[in-house]
Amino acid sequence: MKFTAIRENHLFVKAYTGGKRAPSKTCTVYVLKDRQAKRYMRRRPDKQYINRIGITASKKIGGAVARNRAKRVIREALRLLQTEYTLKTGHLIVIAAREKATVCKMQDVKRDLQSALMRLSMIVQAESETPRHD
């Protein structure tokens, strides 16, 4: 499912201060219920709730190249997770990269992101693990 990027600083601050947090080796995930979710749902032609997602990387990680690589790897890991699992919608999700995100492989980042989202109970179900009714 497509997501909308968070661009306003106040939304990042709200997620950091009021959201639930799940740290891991490569990233920290913050989740907060989106108060504007209904407004965004009405604007969409398919009338579905969406997640607004922001990915950050501080200067502690390194230079611009390292920060961009960390964000790119996290974005790809999130994209792969969304194809495998169904995520709850109507939330602000902020993913803050850590220093290990620049040196780890994308599969490691994906595993950490998956465990963090599971701890925050954002993953609804696995599409491949849907129970059969025989």
Protein backbone atom coordinates (compact mmCIF):
# COMPACT_ATOMS: atom_id res chain seq x y z
CA MET A 1 0.00 0.00 0.00
CA LYS A 2 1.21 3.49 -0.84
CA PHE A 3 2.09 5.79 2.01
CA THR A 4 2.39 9.54 2.33
CA ALA A 5 5.63 11.09 3.55
CA ILE A 6 5.69 13.22 6.69
CA ARG A 7 7.30 16.56 5.91
CA GLU A 8 6.23 18.83 8.77
CA ASN A 9 8.54 19.04 11.78
CA HIS A 10 5.67 19.23 14.28
CA LEU A 11 4.47 15.77 13.23
CA PHE A 12 7.92 14.30 13.85
CA VAL A 13 7.99 15.95 17.28
CA LYS A 14 4.50 14.62 18.11
CA ALA A 15 5.54 11.09 17.18
CA TYR A 16 8.76 11.36 19.21
CA THR A 17 7.08 12.73 22.34
CA GLY A 18 3.66 11.08 22.32
CA GLY A 19 4.11 7.92 20.28
CA LYS A 20 4.94 4.38 21.26
CA ARG A 21 8.60 3.48 20.70
CA ALA A 22 10.37 0.27 19.72
CA PRO A 23 14.18 0.44 19.42
CA SER A 24 16.34 -2.08 17.58
CA LYS A 25 19.97 -2.33 16.44
CA THR A 26 19.49 -0.55 13.13
CA CYS A 27 16.50 1.74 13.69
CA THR A 28 13.98 3.03 16.20
CA VAL A 29 10.29 3.08 15.28
CA TYR A 30 7.78 5.57 16.71
CA VAL A 31 4.04 5.07 16.12
CA LEU A 32 1.25 7.51 16.91
CA LYS A 33 -2.43 7.41 15.97
CA ASP A 34 -3.00 9.99 13.21
CA ARG A 35 -5.64 12.56 14.12
CA GLN A 36 -5.92 13.70 10.50
CA ALA A 37 -6.40 10.18 9.10
CA LYS A 38 -10.09 10.68 8.36
CA ARG A 39 -9.37 13.85 6.38
CA TYR A 40 -6.74 12.07 4.28
CA MET A 41 -9.09 9.13 3.76
CA ARG A 42 -11.82 11.40 2.36
CA ARG A 43 -9.38 12.95 -0.14
CA ARG A 44 -8.33 9.62 -1.59
CA PRO A 45 -10.30 8.18 -4.52
CA ASP A 46 -10.30 4.66 -3.00
CA LYS A 47 -11.49 6.02 0.40
CA GLN A 48 -8.98 4.00 2.44
CA TYR A 49 -6.96 5.00 5.48
CA ILE A 50 -3.22 5.38 4.92
CA ASN A 51 -0.12 5.62 7.07
CA ARG A 52 2.00 8.74 6.97
CA ILE A 53 5.64 7.71 7.26
CA GLY A 54 8.78 9.71 7.98
CA ILE A 55 12.34 8.40 7.86
CA THR A 56 15.08 10.34 9.61
CA ALA A 57 18.83 10.01 9.92
CA SER A 58 20.77 12.34 12.19
CA LYS A 59 24.29 13.65 11.64
CA LYS A 60 25.56 11.12 14.21
CA ILE A 61 25.26 8.50 11.47
CA GLY A 62 27.78 10.22 9.22
CA GLY A 63 27.94 12.39 6.17
CA ALA A 64 25.23 12.95 3.59
CA VAL A 65 26.12 9.79 1.67
CA ALA A 66 25.81 7.59 4.77
CA ARG A 67 22.55 9.24 5.86
CA ASN A 68 21.00 8.85 2.42
CA ARG A 69 22.08 5.21 2.23
CA ALA A 70 20.52 4.51 5.63
CA LYS A 71 17.23 6.11 4.57
CA ARG A 72 17.27 4.28 1.24
CA VAL A 73 17.85 0.90 2.91
CA ILE A 74 15.08 1.53 5.46
CA ARG A 75 12.67 2.63 2.72
CA GLU A 76 13.32 -0.55 0.74
CA ALA A 77 12.96 -2.75 3.85
CA LEU A 78 9.63 -1.09 4.62
CA ARG A 79 8.46 -1.58 1.03
CA LEU A 80 9.29 -5.30 1.21
CA LEU A 81 7.53 -5.63 4.57
CA GLN A 82 4.40 -4.06 3.13
CA THR A 83 4.32 -6.66 0.37
CA GLU A 84 4.64 -9.54 2.87
CA TYR A 85 2.48 -8.28 5.73
CA THR A 86 -0.59 -6.16 6.24
CA LEU A 87 0.08 -3.09 8.39
CA LYS A 88 -2.52 -1.25 10.42
CA THR A 89 -3.49 2.03 8.81
CA GLY A 90 -4.27 5.51 10.09
CA HIS A 91 -1.00 6.08 11.96
CA LEU A 92 2.01 8.35 11.92
CA ILE A 93 5.11 6.16 11.70
CA VAL A 94 8.53 7.71 12.19
CA ILE A 95 11.60 5.54 11.63
CA ALA A 96 14.86 6.94 12.96
CA ALA A 97 17.98 5.32 11.53
CA ARG A 98 20.84 4.33 13.79
CA GLU A 99 24.54 4.01 12.99
CA LYS A 100 24.33 0.27 12.24
CA ALA A 101 21.84 0.91 9.41
CA THR A 102 24.67 2.12 7.17
CA VAL A 103 26.82 -1.02 7.51
CA CYS A 104 24.18 -3.76 7.81
CA LYS A 105 22.57 -5.52 4.89
CA MET A 106 19.01 -4.70 3.91
CA GLN A 107 17.77 -8.08 5.19
CA ASP A 108 19.06 -7.22 8.69
CA VAL A 109 17.29 -3.87 8.61
CA LYS A 110 14.11 -5.59 7.39
CA ARG A 111 14.26 -8.12 10.22
CA ASP A 112 14.77 -5.36 12.82
CA LEU A 113 11.98 -3.26 11.34
CA GLN A 114 9.65 -6.26 11.32
CA SER A 115 10.34 -7.08 14.96
CA ALA A 116 9.87 -3.43 15.97
CA LEU A 117 6.54 -3.20 14.14
CA MET A 118 5.41 -6.47 15.70
CA ARG A 119 6.28 -5.18 19.18
CA LEU A 120 4.20 -2.10 18.45
CA SER A 121 1.41 -4.41 17.15
CA MET A 122 1.32 -2.70 13.77
CA ILE A 123 1.48 -5.92 11.75
CA VAL A 124 -2.01 -7.33 11.39
CA GLN A 125 -1.37 -10.67 9.71
CA ALA A 126 0.85 -12.43 7.24
CA GLU A 127 -0.81 -12.80 3.84
CA SER A 128 1.01 -16.08 3.21
CA GLU A 129 -0.07 -17.41 6.59
CA THR A 130 -3.80 -16.89 6.12
CA PRO A 131 -5.71 -19.79 7.63
CA ARG A 132 -7.42 -22.13 5.19
CA HIS A 133 -11.03 -23.11 5.64
CA ASP A 134 -11.22 -26.66 4.28
